[in-house]
Amino acid sequence: MLLYIAKRLGRALISLCLIIVVVFVLLRQMPVEGYFASFDKMTPIQVENGLRKLGLLDPLPVQLLNFFKQLAQGSLGVSARYRQNYPIARIIAQKAPFSLRFGLIAVGISIPLGLGLGVLMARRKGGAWDRIGTVYIVFMQAVPSAIYYLFLQLYGTQALNISLLYNPDKWQTMILPVISLSMPSVAYFAMWMRRYTVDEANKEYIKLARVKGVPTMAVWFRHVFRNAVVPIVQLIPNSLLLTLAGSIYVESLYSIPGMGGLMVDVIKRQDNTMVQALVIIFAMLTIVGLLLGDLAMALVDPRISLARKAEAR
C-alpha cells in the first residue's frame, strides 16, 4: 500500500507541476496592467522598472524557476490590485473557511439525499420515483446552473422572506446558497447510485439469495446497497471539490466572502498574481481529491489490493 501511495503521490506531483507550468505560461501572456495597482498613472519607464523589479523581464525559464522556488518556500506572492502588496496566502486563509463551511454542509446534505434517491430509483425501476429522479438528473445536466441558481435566489428569498445576500449574523441566509450547491451533487450521486444498484441487483449471487428465501430488505441493504455504495466512496472527495468549484458562481451571487467570490473578483480586477495562485490551488485540490478517492475506495473494499494494483500498472 505504501508503494502504491508513493507512486500516486509522484504522479500527482508531476501532474501538478505540469499544470503550474501551463498556468504560469498562459498568465504571462496577459496584459501587464494586472501587475500594477495604478498602471494608468505610470510612465513607460516606471512600468519597465516595475516589471524588472518583479522579474518579469527575465527569460521565461528563469521566471518559472524562480516561481517554483517561491512555491517551495510556501509563498504565493503578493496581490497587485485586490489588496495591494498584501500576501496572497493570508487573503486565502481568510476566505477559505467560508467556502469550506458551505461546501461541507452541501456535501453532507447531498450524499444521503443523492444515495437515497438513487436507491429508490433502482428499486422502483420504471416507476414513479425512477421517472421523477430521471427528470431531475436530466434537468440538472441539461439546464445551465446559472438559470436555476437565479430562479432559486429570486423566488426562494421571497418565499422564506430573507435577504438576497448572505449575512453572517443570520443563519437563514445560508439556506439558499447551501441548496444551490447541493442540487447538482444530489443528481450526481443519484445517477451513479442508481446505475451501480441496478448492476448489483442483477448479479447471480443476488438472484441466489432471493431463491434461498432471504428477506427482500436484507437482500437490498446487506448485499445490494453495501456493494453498490463502494464505488460511490471514490466520488465523495471529488464531489466536495466540484462543490467548491460551483461555489465560484454561488458565492458571487450571494456575496459570500469565500474563495469562489474571490476568484470572480480578482478576474474582474485583472489581478494576474491572484488569479494564478487561485487556479493553482483549485488544481491542487482536484488532484488531492482524486488521490483520496482511490484510497477511500480501497479502504472500504477489501477485494481491492493496492499493492497488486500498483504492480499491474
C-alpha atoms as a PDB file:
ATOM      1  CA  MET A   1       0.000   0.000   0.000  1.00  0.00           C
ATOM      2  CA  LEU A   2       2.846   2.378   0.795  1.00  0.00           C
ATOM      3  CA  LEU A   3       4.354   1.678  -2.619  1.00  0.00           C
ATOM      4  CA  TYR A   4       1.053   2.477  -4.319  1.00  0.00           C
ATOM      5  CA  ILE A   5       0.644   5.694  -2.311  1.00  0.00           C
ATOM      6  CA  ALA A   6       4.203   6.734  -3.160  1.00  0.00           C
ATOM      7  CA  LYS A   7       3.625   6.151  -6.876  1.00  0.00           C
ATOM      8  CA  ARG A   8       0.317   8.006  -6.837  1.00  0.00           C
ATOM      9  CA  LEU A   9       1.902  10.914  -4.980  1.00  0.00           C
ATOM     10  CA  GLY A  10       4.696  11.004  -7.554  1.00  0.00           C
ATOM     11  CA  ARG A  11       2.218  11.084 -10.436  1.00  0.00           C
ATOM     12  CA  ALA A  12       0.146  13.712  -8.651  1.00  0.00           C
ATOM     13  CA  LEU A  13       3.245  15.847  -8.171  1.00  0.00           C
ATOM     14  CA  ILE A  14       4.150  15.555 -11.853  1.00  0.00           C
ATOM     15  CA  SER A  15       0.593  16.478 -12.873  1.00  0.00           C
ATOM     16  CA  LEU A  16       0.622  19.469 -10.546  1.00  0.00           C
ATOM     17  CA  CYS A  17       3.959  20.673 -11.912  1.00  0.00           C
ATOM     18  CA  LEU A  18       2.674  20.447 -15.484  1.00  0.00           C
ATOM     19  CA  ILE A  19      -0.446  22.407 -14.541  1.00  0.00           C
ATOM     20  CA  ILE A  20       1.666  25.062 -12.828  1.00  0.00           C
ATOM     21  CA  VAL A  21       3.841  25.414 -15.929  1.00  0.00           C
ATOM     22  CA  VAL A  22       0.809  25.785 -18.220  1.00  0.00           C
ATOM     23  CA  VAL A  23      -0.912  28.294 -15.922  1.00  0.00           C
ATOM     24  CA  PHE A  24       2.301  30.253 -15.448  1.00  0.00           C
ATOM     25  CA  VAL A  25       2.983  30.495 -19.203  1.00  0.00           C
ATOM     26  CA  LEU A  26      -0.611  31.473 -20.013  1.00  0.00           C
ATOM     27  CA  LEU A  27      -0.700  34.167 -17.318  1.00  0.00           C
ATOM     28  CA  ARG A  28       2.488  35.655 -18.725  1.00  0.00           C
ATOM     29  CA  GLN A  29       0.558  36.317 -21.935  1.00  0.00           C
ATOM     30  CA  MET A  30      -1.889  38.565 -20.087  1.00  0.00           C
ATOM     31  CA  PRO A  31      -1.565  42.374 -20.211  1.00  0.00           C
ATOM     32  CA  VAL A  32       0.972  43.783 -17.750  1.00  0.00           C
ATOM     33  CA  GLU A  33      -1.700  46.053 -16.267  1.00  0.00           C
ATOM     34  CA  GLY A  34      -2.583  43.221 -13.929  1.00  0.00           C
ATOM     35  CA  TYR A  35       0.717  43.591 -12.073  1.00  0.00           C
ATOM     36  CA  PHE A  36       0.293  47.247 -11.089  1.00  0.00           C
ATOM     37  CA  ALA A  37      -2.336  48.946  -8.949  1.00  0.00           C
ATOM     38  CA  SER A  38      -2.074  52.341 -10.664  1.00  0.00           C
ATOM     39  CA  PHE A  39      -0.997  51.396 -14.171  1.00  0.00           C
ATOM     40  CA  ASP A  40      -2.867  54.302 -15.820  1.00  0.00           C
ATOM     41  CA  LYS A  41      -0.782  56.835 -13.904  1.00  0.00           C
ATOM     42  CA  MET A  42       2.565  55.199 -14.627  1.00  0.00           C
ATOM     43  CA  THR A  43       5.013  56.259 -17.326  1.00  0.00           C
ATOM     44  CA  PRO A  44       6.557  53.653 -19.691  1.00  0.00           C
ATOM     45  CA  ILE A  45       9.848  53.917 -17.784  1.00  0.00           C
ATOM     46  CA  GLN A  46       8.098  53.264 -14.473  1.00  0.00           C
ATOM     47  CA  VAL A  47       6.328  50.267 -15.973  1.00  0.00           C
ATOM     48  CA  GLU A  48       9.596  48.870 -17.287  1.00  0.00           C
ATOM     49  CA  ASN A  49      11.317  49.364 -13.936  1.00  0.00           C
ATOM     50  CA  GLY A  50       8.384  47.725 -12.164  1.00  0.00           C
ATOM     51  CA  LEU A  51       8.464  44.722 -14.482  1.00  0.00           C
ATOM     52  CA  ARG A  52      12.220  44.393 -13.976  1.00  0.00           C
ATOM     53  CA  LYS A  53      11.773  44.548 -10.200  1.00  0.00           C
ATOM     54  CA  LEU A  54       9.173  41.790 -10.394  1.00  0.00           C
ATOM     55  CA  GLY A  55      11.493  39.689 -12.561  1.00  0.00           C
ATOM     56  CA  LEU A  56       9.052  39.710 -15.461  1.00  0.00           C
ATOM     57  CA  LEU A  57      11.714  40.826 -17.951  1.00  0.00           C
ATOM     58  CA  ASP A  58      13.855  37.747 -17.296  1.00  0.00           C
ATOM     59  CA  PRO A  59      13.732  34.817 -19.733  1.00  0.00           C
ATOM     60  CA  LEU A  60      10.645  32.659 -19.195  1.00  0.00           C
ATOM     61  CA  PRO A  61      12.584  29.602 -17.903  1.00  0.00           C
ATOM     62  CA  VAL A  62      14.269  31.822 -15.295  1.00  0.00           C
ATOM     63  CA  GLN A  63      10.903  33.249 -14.233  1.00  0.00           C
ATOM     64  CA  LEU A  64       9.459  29.744 -13.953  1.00  0.00           C
ATOM     65  CA  LEU A  65      12.385  28.506 -11.875  1.00  0.00           C
ATOM     66  CA  ASN A  66      12.073  31.480  -9.527  1.00  0.00           C
ATOM     67  CA  PHE A  67       8.348  30.809  -9.180  1.00  0.00           C
ATOM     68  CA  PHE A  68       8.940  27.171  -8.199  1.00  0.00           C
ATOM     69  CA  LYS A  69      11.489  28.352  -5.619  1.00  0.00           C
ATOM     70  CA  GLN A  70       8.887  30.750  -4.280  1.00  0.00           C
ATOM     71  CA  LEU A  71       6.307  27.952  -4.022  1.00  0.00           C
ATOM     72  CA  ALA A  72       8.841  25.720  -2.257  1.00  0.00           C
ATOM     73  CA  GLN A  73       9.165  28.423   0.390  1.00  0.00           C
ATOM     74  CA  GLY A  74       5.393  28.423   0.892  1.00  0.00           C
ATOM     75  CA  SER A  75       4.829  31.808  -0.740  1.00  0.00           C
ATOM     76  CA  LEU A  76       2.186  32.545  -3.363  1.00  0.00           C
ATOM     77  CA  GLY A  77       3.350  36.098  -3.884  1.00  0.00           C
ATOM     78  CA  VAL A  78       1.522  39.331  -3.138  1.00  0.00           C
ATOM     79  CA  SER A  79      -1.626  40.843  -4.577  1.00  0.00           C
ATOM     80  CA  ALA A  80      -1.193  43.724  -7.008  1.00  0.00           C
ATOM     81  CA  ARG A  81      -4.743  45.038  -7.286  1.00  0.00           C
ATOM     82  CA  TYR A  82      -7.172  43.224  -4.978  1.00  0.00           C
ATOM     83  CA  ARG A  83      -5.222  44.232  -1.873  1.00  0.00           C
ATOM     84  CA  GLN A  84      -2.037  45.974  -2.873  1.00  0.00           C
ATOM     85  CA  ASN A  85       1.213  44.343  -1.672  1.00  0.00           C
ATOM     86  CA  TYR A  86      -0.695  42.019   0.699  1.00  0.00           C
ATOM     87  CA  PRO A  87       0.400  38.336   0.883  1.00  0.00           C
ATOM     88  CA  ILE A  88      -1.923  36.143  -1.151  1.00  0.00           C
ATOM     89  CA  ALA A  89      -1.643  33.273   1.360  1.00  0.00           C
ATOM     90  CA  ARG A  90      -3.154  35.469   4.084  1.00  0.00           C
ATOM     91  CA  ILE A  91      -6.025  36.531   1.841  1.00  0.00           C
ATOM     92  CA  ILE A  92      -6.841  32.916   1.012  1.00  0.00           C
ATOM     93  CA  ALA A  93      -6.591  31.925   4.690  1.00  0.00           C
ATOM     94  CA  GLN A  94      -9.305  34.478   5.438  1.00  0.00           C
ATOM     95  CA  LYS A  95     -11.577  33.333   2.589  1.00  0.00           C
ATOM     96  CA  ALA A  96     -11.140  29.546   2.666  1.00  0.00           C
ATOM     97  CA  PRO A  97     -13.157  28.876   5.891  1.00  0.00           C
ATOM     98  CA  PHE A  98     -16.324  30.302   4.285  1.00  0.00           C
ATOM     99  CA  SER A  99     -16.025  28.118   1.182  1.00  0.00           C
ATOM    100  CA  LEU A 100     -15.151  25.067   3.253  1.00  0.00           C
ATOM    101  CA  ARG A 101     -18.118  25.577   5.585  1.00  0.00           C
ATOM    102  CA  PHE A 102     -20.636  25.895   2.760  1.00  0.00           C
ATOM    103  CA  GLY A 103     -19.018  23.069   0.798  1.00  0.00           C
ATOM    104  CA  LEU A 104     -19.021  20.581   3.680  1.00  0.00           C
ATOM    105  CA  ILE A 105     -22.629  21.345   4.594  1.00  0.00           C
ATOM    106  CA  ALA A 106     -23.714  20.996   0.961  1.00  0.00           C
ATOM    107  CA  VAL A 107     -21.920  17.669   0.516  1.00  0.00           C
ATOM    108  CA  GLY A 108     -23.249  16.437   3.882  1.00  0.00           C
ATOM    109  CA  ILE A 109     -26.771  17.093   2.613  1.00  0.00           C
ATOM    110  CA  SER A 110     -26.304  15.857  -0.952  1.00  0.00           C
ATOM    111  CA  ILE A 111     -24.780  12.472  -0.077  1.00  0.00           C
ATOM    112  CA  PRO A 112     -27.756  10.989   1.848  1.00  0.00           C
ATOM    113  CA  LEU A 113     -30.300  12.619  -0.460  1.00  0.00           C
ATOM    114  CA  GLY A 114     -28.495  11.507  -3.612  1.00  0.00           C
ATOM    115  CA  LEU A 115     -27.883   7.954  -2.402  1.00  0.00           C
ATOM    116  CA  GLY A 116     -31.451   7.641  -1.135  1.00  0.00           C
ATOM    117  CA  LEU A 117     -32.890   8.880  -4.417  1.00  0.00           C
ATOM    118  CA  GLY A 118     -30.641   6.542  -6.388  1.00  0.00           C
ATOM    119  CA  VAL A 119     -31.755   3.520  -4.360  1.00  0.00           C
ATOM    120  CA  LEU A 120     -35.435   4.466  -4.728  1.00  0.00           C
ATOM    121  CA  MET A 121     -34.975   4.827  -8.486  1.00  0.00           C
ATOM    122  CA  ALA A 122     -33.320   1.409  -8.698  1.00  0.00           C
ATOM    123  CA  ARG A 123     -35.906  -0.330  -6.523  1.00  0.00           C
ATOM    124  CA  ARG A 124     -38.797   1.273  -8.415  1.00  0.00           C
ATOM    125  CA  LYS A 125     -37.201   0.917 -11.821  1.00  0.00           C
ATOM    126  CA  GLY A 126     -39.617   2.240 -14.423  1.00  0.00           C
ATOM    127  CA  GLY A 127     -41.920   3.531 -11.708  1.00  0.00           C
ATOM    128  CA  ALA A 128     -42.801   6.994 -10.431  1.00  0.00           C
ATOM    129  CA  TRP A 129     -39.633   7.523  -8.365  1.00  0.00           C
ATOM    130  CA  ASP A 130     -37.467   6.423 -11.270  1.00  0.00           C
ATOM    131  CA  ARG A 131     -39.178   8.858 -13.618  1.00  0.00           C
ATOM    132  CA  ILE A 132     -39.037  11.742 -11.141  1.00  0.00           C
ATOM    133  CA  GLY A 133     -35.361  11.101 -10.454  1.00  0.00           C
ATOM    134  CA  THR A 134     -34.560  10.811 -14.162  1.00  0.00           C
ATOM    135  CA  VAL A 135     -36.264  14.126 -14.914  1.00  0.00           C
ATOM    136  CA  TYR A 136     -34.353  15.772 -12.079  1.00  0.00           C
ATOM    137  CA  ILE A 137     -30.991  14.365 -13.229  1.00  0.00           C
ATOM    138  CA  VAL A 138     -31.602  15.367 -16.857  1.00  0.00           C
ATOM    139  CA  PHE A 139     -32.686  18.838 -15.738  1.00  0.00           C
ATOM    140  CA  MET A 140     -29.536  19.319 -13.667  1.00  0.00           C
ATOM    141  CA  GLN A 141     -27.331  18.226 -16.558  1.00  0.00           C
ATOM    142  CA  ALA A 142     -29.156  19.990 -19.391  1.00  0.00           C
ATOM    143  CA  VAL A 143     -30.034  23.363 -17.878  1.00  0.00           C
ATOM    144  CA  PRO A 144     -27.195  25.834 -17.208  1.00  0.00           C
ATOM    145  CA  SER A 145     -26.713  26.164 -13.471  1.00  0.00           C
ATOM    146  CA  ALA A 146     -26.861  29.959 -13.630  1.00  0.00           C
ATOM    147  CA  ILE A 147     -30.533  29.768 -14.634  1.00  0.00           C
ATOM    148  CA  TYR A 148     -31.850  27.717 -11.718  1.00  0.00           C
ATOM    149  CA  TYR A 149     -29.490  29.486  -9.315  1.00  0.00           C
ATOM    150  CA  LEU A 150     -31.105  32.805 -10.263  1.00  0.00           C
ATOM    151  CA  PHE A 151     -34.641  31.412 -10.046  1.00  0.00           C
ATOM    152  CA  LEU A 152     -33.896  29.870  -6.653  1.00  0.00           C
ATOM    153  CA  GLN A 153     -32.491  33.139  -5.351  1.00  0.00           C
ATOM    154  CA  LEU A 154     -35.358  35.225  -6.720  1.00  0.00           C
ATOM    155  CA  TYR A 155     -38.285  33.087  -5.592  1.00  0.00           C
ATOM    156  CA  GLY A 156     -36.611  31.449  -2.604  1.00  0.00           C
ATOM    157  CA  THR A 157     -35.852  34.732  -0.888  1.00  0.00           C
ATOM    158  CA  GLN A 158     -39.471  35.798  -1.369  1.00  0.00           C
ATOM    159  CA  ALA A 159     -40.836  32.512  -0.039  1.00  0.00           C
ATOM    160  CA  LEU A 160     -38.552  32.498   3.004  1.00  0.00           C
ATOM    161  CA  ASN A 161     -38.688  36.265   3.459  1.00  0.00           C
ATOM    162  CA  ILE A 162     -34.927  36.592   3.779  1.00  0.00           C
ATOM    163  CA  SER A 163     -32.258  38.833   2.301  1.00  0.00           C
ATOM    164  CA  LEU A 164     -30.938  38.294  -1.219  1.00  0.00           C
ATOM    165  CA  LEU A 165     -27.362  38.415   0.113  1.00  0.00           C
ATOM    166  CA  TYR A 166     -25.533  36.369   2.709  1.00  0.00           C
ATOM    167  CA  ASN A 167     -25.369  37.808   6.224  1.00  0.00           C
ATOM    168  CA  PRO A 168     -23.004  36.062   8.696  1.00  0.00           C
ATOM    169  CA  ASP A 169     -25.221  37.156  11.591  1.00  0.00           C
ATOM    170  CA  LYS A 170     -28.326  35.466  10.140  1.00  0.00           C
ATOM    171  CA  TRP A 171     -28.091  31.713   9.605  1.00  0.00           C
ATOM    172  CA  GLN A 172     -31.238  31.766   7.463  1.00  0.00           C
ATOM    173  CA  THR A 173     -29.249  33.399   4.663  1.00  0.00           C
ATOM    174  CA  MET A 174     -27.186  30.190   4.399  1.00  0.00           C
ATOM    175  CA  ILE A 175     -30.184  28.108   3.317  1.00  0.00           C
ATOM    176  CA  LEU A 176     -30.415  29.098  -0.346  1.00  0.00           C
ATOM    177  CA  PRO A 177     -26.644  29.014  -1.054  1.00  0.00           C
ATOM    178  CA  VAL A 178     -26.408  25.545   0.511  1.00  0.00           C
ATOM    179  CA  ILE A 179     -29.389  24.304  -1.512  1.00  0.00           C
ATOM    180  CA  SER A 180     -27.858  25.770  -4.669  1.00  0.00           C
ATOM    181  CA  LEU A 181     -24.572  23.962  -4.040  1.00  0.00           C
ATOM    182  CA  SER A 182     -26.343  20.702  -3.114  1.00  0.00           C
ATOM    183  CA  MET A 183     -28.652  20.387  -6.121  1.00  0.00           C
ATOM    184  CA  PRO A 184     -26.053  19.288  -8.731  1.00  0.00           C
ATOM    185  CA  SER A 185     -24.395  16.890  -6.269  1.00  0.00           C
ATOM    186  CA  VAL A 186     -27.719  15.229  -5.417  1.00  0.00           C
ATOM    187  CA  ALA A 187     -28.255  14.499  -9.119  1.00  0.00           C
ATOM    188  CA  TYR A 188     -24.643  13.335  -9.460  1.00  0.00           C
ATOM    189  CA  PHE A 189     -24.873  10.816  -6.597  1.00  0.00           C
ATOM    190  CA  ALA A 190     -28.374   9.662  -7.574  1.00  0.00           C
ATOM    191  CA  MET A 191     -27.313   8.945 -11.160  1.00  0.00           C
ATOM    192  CA  TRP A 192     -24.332   6.801 -10.181  1.00  0.00           C
ATOM    193  CA  MET A 193     -26.083   5.127  -7.240  1.00  0.00           C
ATOM    194  CA  ARG A 194     -28.948   4.027  -9.468  1.00  0.00           C
ATOM    195  CA  ARG A 195     -26.526   2.622 -12.021  1.00  0.00           C
ATOM    196  CA  TYR A 196     -24.447   0.668  -9.508  1.00  0.00           C
ATOM    197  CA  THR A 197     -27.520  -0.538  -7.631  1.00  0.00           C
ATOM    198  CA  VAL A 198     -29.207  -1.859 -10.783  1.00  0.00           C
ATOM    199  CA  ASP A 199     -25.980  -3.595 -11.844  1.00  0.00           C
ATOM    200  CA  GLU A 200     -25.569  -5.171  -8.416  1.00  0.00           C
ATOM    201  CA  ALA A 201     -29.222  -6.271  -8.190  1.00  0.00           C
ATOM    202  CA  ASN A 202     -28.895  -8.237 -11.441  1.00  0.00           C
ATOM    203  CA  LYS A 203     -25.889 -10.285 -10.349  1.00  0.00           C
ATOM    204  CA  GLU A 204     -26.121 -14.026  -9.817  1.00  0.00           C
ATOM    205  CA  TYR A 205     -25.455 -14.038  -6.068  1.00  0.00           C
ATOM    206  CA  ILE A 206     -28.421 -11.698  -5.527  1.00  0.00           C
ATOM    207  CA  LYS A 207     -30.684 -13.998  -7.546  1.00  0.00           C
ATOM    208  CA  LEU A 208     -29.423 -16.948  -5.499  1.00  0.00           C
ATOM    209  CA  ALA A 209     -30.139 -15.132  -2.231  1.00  0.00           C
ATOM    210  CA  ARG A 210     -33.688 -14.480  -3.361  1.00  0.00           C
ATOM    211  CA  VAL A 211     -34.192 -18.109  -4.391  1.00  0.00           C
ATOM    212  CA  LYS A 212     -32.998 -19.197  -0.937  1.00  0.00           C
ATOM    213  CA  GLY A 213     -35.704 -17.061   0.618  1.00  0.00           C
ATOM    214  CA  VAL A 214     -33.576 -14.274   2.072  1.00  0.00           C
ATOM    215  CA  PRO A 215     -35.915 -11.386   3.032  1.00  0.00           C
ATOM    216  CA  THR A 216     -36.100  -8.623   0.442  1.00  0.00           C
ATOM    217  CA  MET A 217     -34.934  -5.881   2.816  1.00  0.00           C
ATOM    218  CA  ALA A 218     -31.946  -7.979   3.857  1.00  0.00           C
ATOM    219  CA  VAL A 219     -31.028  -8.576   0.227  1.00  0.00           C
ATOM    220  CA  TRP A 220     -31.185  -4.867  -0.567  1.00  0.00           C
ATOM    221  CA  PHE A 221     -29.375  -3.483   2.455  1.00  0.00           C
ATOM    222  CA  ARG A 222     -26.936  -6.272   3.352  1.00  0.00           C
ATOM    223  CA  HIS A 223     -25.864  -7.136  -0.172  1.00  0.00           C
ATOM    224  CA  VAL A 224     -27.025  -4.779  -2.920  1.00  0.00           C
ATOM    225  CA  PHE A 225     -26.578  -1.447  -1.120  1.00  0.00           C
ATOM    226  CA  ARG A 226     -23.313  -2.367   0.639  1.00  0.00           C
ATOM    227  CA  ASN A 227     -21.655  -3.407  -2.612  1.00  0.00           C
ATOM    228  CA  ALA A 228     -23.191  -0.663  -4.770  1.00  0.00           C
ATOM    229  CA  VAL A 229     -22.023   2.101  -2.438  1.00  0.00           C
ATOM    230  CA  VAL A 230     -18.343   1.070  -2.670  1.00  0.00           C
ATOM    231  CA  PRO A 231     -17.620   2.830  -6.000  1.00  0.00           C
ATOM    232  CA  ILE A 232     -19.579   5.855  -4.754  1.00  0.00           C
ATOM    233  CA  VAL A 233     -16.999   6.358  -1.995  1.00  0.00           C
ATOM    234  CA  GLN A 234     -14.460   7.185  -4.666  1.00  0.00           C
ATOM    235  CA  LEU A 235     -16.651  10.046  -5.866  1.00  0.00           C
ATOM    236  CA  ILE A 236     -17.099  11.777  -2.497  1.00  0.00           C
ATOM    237  CA  PRO A 237     -13.778  13.692  -2.304  1.00  0.00           C
ATOM    238  CA  ASN A 238     -14.126  14.799  -5.899  1.00  0.00           C
ATOM    239  CA  SER A 239     -17.732  15.835  -5.221  1.00  0.00           C
ATOM    240  CA  LEU A 240     -16.544  18.197  -2.497  1.00  0.00           C
ATOM    241  CA  LEU A 241     -14.111  19.736  -4.973  1.00  0.00           C
ATOM    242  CA  LEU A 242     -16.835  20.088  -7.607  1.00  0.00           C
ATOM    243  CA  THR A 243     -18.986  21.786  -4.981  1.00  0.00           C
ATOM    244  CA  LEU A 244     -16.179  24.208  -4.212  1.00  0.00           C
ATOM    245  CA  ALA A 245     -15.791  24.867  -7.927  1.00  0.00           C
ATOM    246  CA  GLY A 246     -19.532  25.522  -8.205  1.00  0.00           C
ATOM    247  CA  SER A 247     -19.215  27.997  -5.389  1.00  0.00           C
ATOM    248  CA  ILE A 248     -17.414  30.347  -7.788  1.00  0.00           C
ATOM    249  CA  TYR A 249     -20.792  31.468  -9.112  1.00  0.00           C
ATOM    250  CA  VAL A 250     -22.908  30.885  -5.989  1.00  0.00           C
ATOM    251  CA  GLU A 251     -20.614  32.858  -3.705  1.00  0.00           C
ATOM    252  CA  SER A 252     -20.544  35.727  -6.143  1.00  0.00           C
ATOM    253  CA  LEU A 253     -24.345  35.601  -6.469  1.00  0.00           C
ATOM    254  CA  TYR A 254     -24.944  35.750  -2.710  1.00  0.00           C
ATOM    255  CA  SER A 255     -21.908  37.942  -1.881  1.00  0.00           C
ATOM    256  CA  ILE A 256     -20.319  35.226   0.263  1.00  0.00           C
ATOM    257  CA  PRO A 257     -16.736  36.214   1.184  1.00  0.00           C
ATOM    258  CA  GLY A 258     -15.243  32.876   0.112  1.00  0.00           C
ATOM    259  CA  MET A 259     -12.729  31.656  -2.443  1.00  0.00           C
ATOM    260  CA  GLY A 260     -15.313  31.374  -5.214  1.00  0.00           C
ATOM    261  CA  GLY A 261     -16.321  35.010  -4.955  1.00  0.00           C
ATOM    262  CA  LEU A 262     -12.657  35.910  -4.602  1.00  0.00           C
ATOM    263  CA  MET A 263     -11.871  34.238  -7.929  1.00  0.00           C
ATOM    264  CA  VAL A 264     -14.562  36.234  -9.721  1.00  0.00           C
ATOM    265  CA  ASP A 265     -13.393  39.466  -8.072  1.00  0.00           C
ATOM    266  CA  VAL A 266      -9.712  39.099  -8.936  1.00  0.00           C
ATOM    267  CA  ILE A 267     -10.533  38.190 -12.538  1.00  0.00           C
ATOM    268  CA  LYS A 268     -12.596  41.366 -12.851  1.00  0.00           C
ATOM    269  CA  ARG A 269      -9.743  43.389 -11.375  1.00  0.00           C
ATOM    270  CA  GLN A 270      -7.196  41.633 -13.622  1.00  0.00           C
ATOM    271  CA  ASP A 271      -5.008  40.782 -10.645  1.00  0.00           C
ATOM    272  CA  ASN A 272      -2.760  38.338 -12.507  1.00  0.00           C
ATOM    273  CA  THR A 273      -0.847  37.128  -9.469  1.00  0.00           C
ATOM    274  CA  MET A 274      -4.023  36.342  -7.524  1.00  0.00           C
ATOM    275  CA  VAL A 275      -5.643  34.563 -10.484  1.00  0.00           C
ATOM    276  CA  GLN A 276      -2.513  32.453 -10.921  1.00  0.00           C
ATOM    277  CA  ALA A 277      -2.451  31.460  -7.240  1.00  0.00           C
ATOM    278  CA  LEU A 278      -6.154  30.554  -7.104  1.00  0.00           C
ATOM    279  CA  VAL A 279      -6.049  28.460 -10.292  1.00  0.00           C
ATOM    280  CA  ILE A 280      -3.093  26.520  -8.926  1.00  0.00           C
ATOM    281  CA  ILE A 281      -4.863  25.955  -5.598  1.00  0.00           C
ATOM    282  CA  PHE A 282      -8.026  24.643  -7.294  1.00  0.00           C
ATOM    283  CA  ALA A 283      -5.896  22.346  -9.475  1.00  0.00           C
ATOM    284  CA  MET A 284      -4.043  21.052  -6.431  1.00  0.00           C
ATOM    285  CA  LEU A 285      -7.324  20.360  -4.615  1.00  0.00           C
ATOM    286  CA  THR A 286      -8.606  18.411  -7.613  1.00  0.00           C
ATOM    287  CA  ILE A 287      -5.510  16.217  -7.747  1.00  0.00           C
ATOM    288  CA  VAL A 288      -5.656  15.590  -3.995  1.00  0.00           C
ATOM    289  CA  GLY A 289      -9.357  14.723  -4.261  1.00  0.00           C
ATOM    290  CA  LEU A 290      -8.732  12.103  -6.935  1.00  0.00           C
ATOM    291  CA  LEU A 291      -5.975  10.544  -4.829  1.00  0.00           C
ATOM    292  CA  LEU A 292      -8.141  10.466  -1.691  1.00  0.00           C
ATOM    293  CA  GLY A 293     -10.983   8.930  -3.691  1.00  0.00           C
ATOM    294  CA  ASP A 294      -8.821   5.992  -4.804  1.00  0.00           C
ATOM    295  CA  LEU A 295      -7.521   5.424  -1.279  1.00  0.00           C
ATOM    296  CA  ALA A 296     -11.005   5.635   0.253  1.00  0.00           C
ATOM    297  CA  MET A 297     -12.346   3.085  -2.217  1.00  0.00           C
ATOM    298  CA  ALA A 298      -9.542   0.674  -1.369  1.00  0.00           C
ATOM    299  CA  LEU A 299     -10.188   1.040   2.369  1.00  0.00           C
ATOM    300  CA  VAL A 300     -13.907   0.211   2.162  1.00  0.00           C
ATOM    301  CA  ASP A 301     -13.500  -2.650  -0.327  1.00  0.00           C
ATOM    302  CA  PRO A 302     -11.267  -5.481   0.959  1.00  0.00           C
ATOM    303  CA  ARG A 303     -11.267  -7.048  -2.512  1.00  0.00           C
ATOM    304  CA  ILE A 304      -9.009  -4.269  -3.777  1.00  0.00           C
ATOM    305  CA  SER A 305      -5.298  -4.753  -3.248  1.00  0.00           C
ATOM    306  CA  LEU A 306      -3.349  -1.568  -3.714  1.00  0.00           C
ATOM    307  CA  ALA A 307      -0.108  -3.488  -3.922  1.00  0.00           C
ATOM    308  CA  ARG A 308      -1.340  -5.649  -6.793  1.00  0.00           C
ATOM    309  CA  LYS A 309      -2.940  -2.610  -8.420  1.00  0.00           C
ATOM    310  CA  ALA A 310       0.315  -0.743  -8.316  1.00  0.00           C
ATOM    311  CA  GLU A 311       2.221  -3.693  -9.790  1.00  0.00           C
ATOM    312  CA  ALA A 312      -0.387  -4.089 -12.536  1.00  0.00           C
ATOM    313  CA  ARG A 313       0.092  -0.508 -13.596  1.00  0.00           C
END
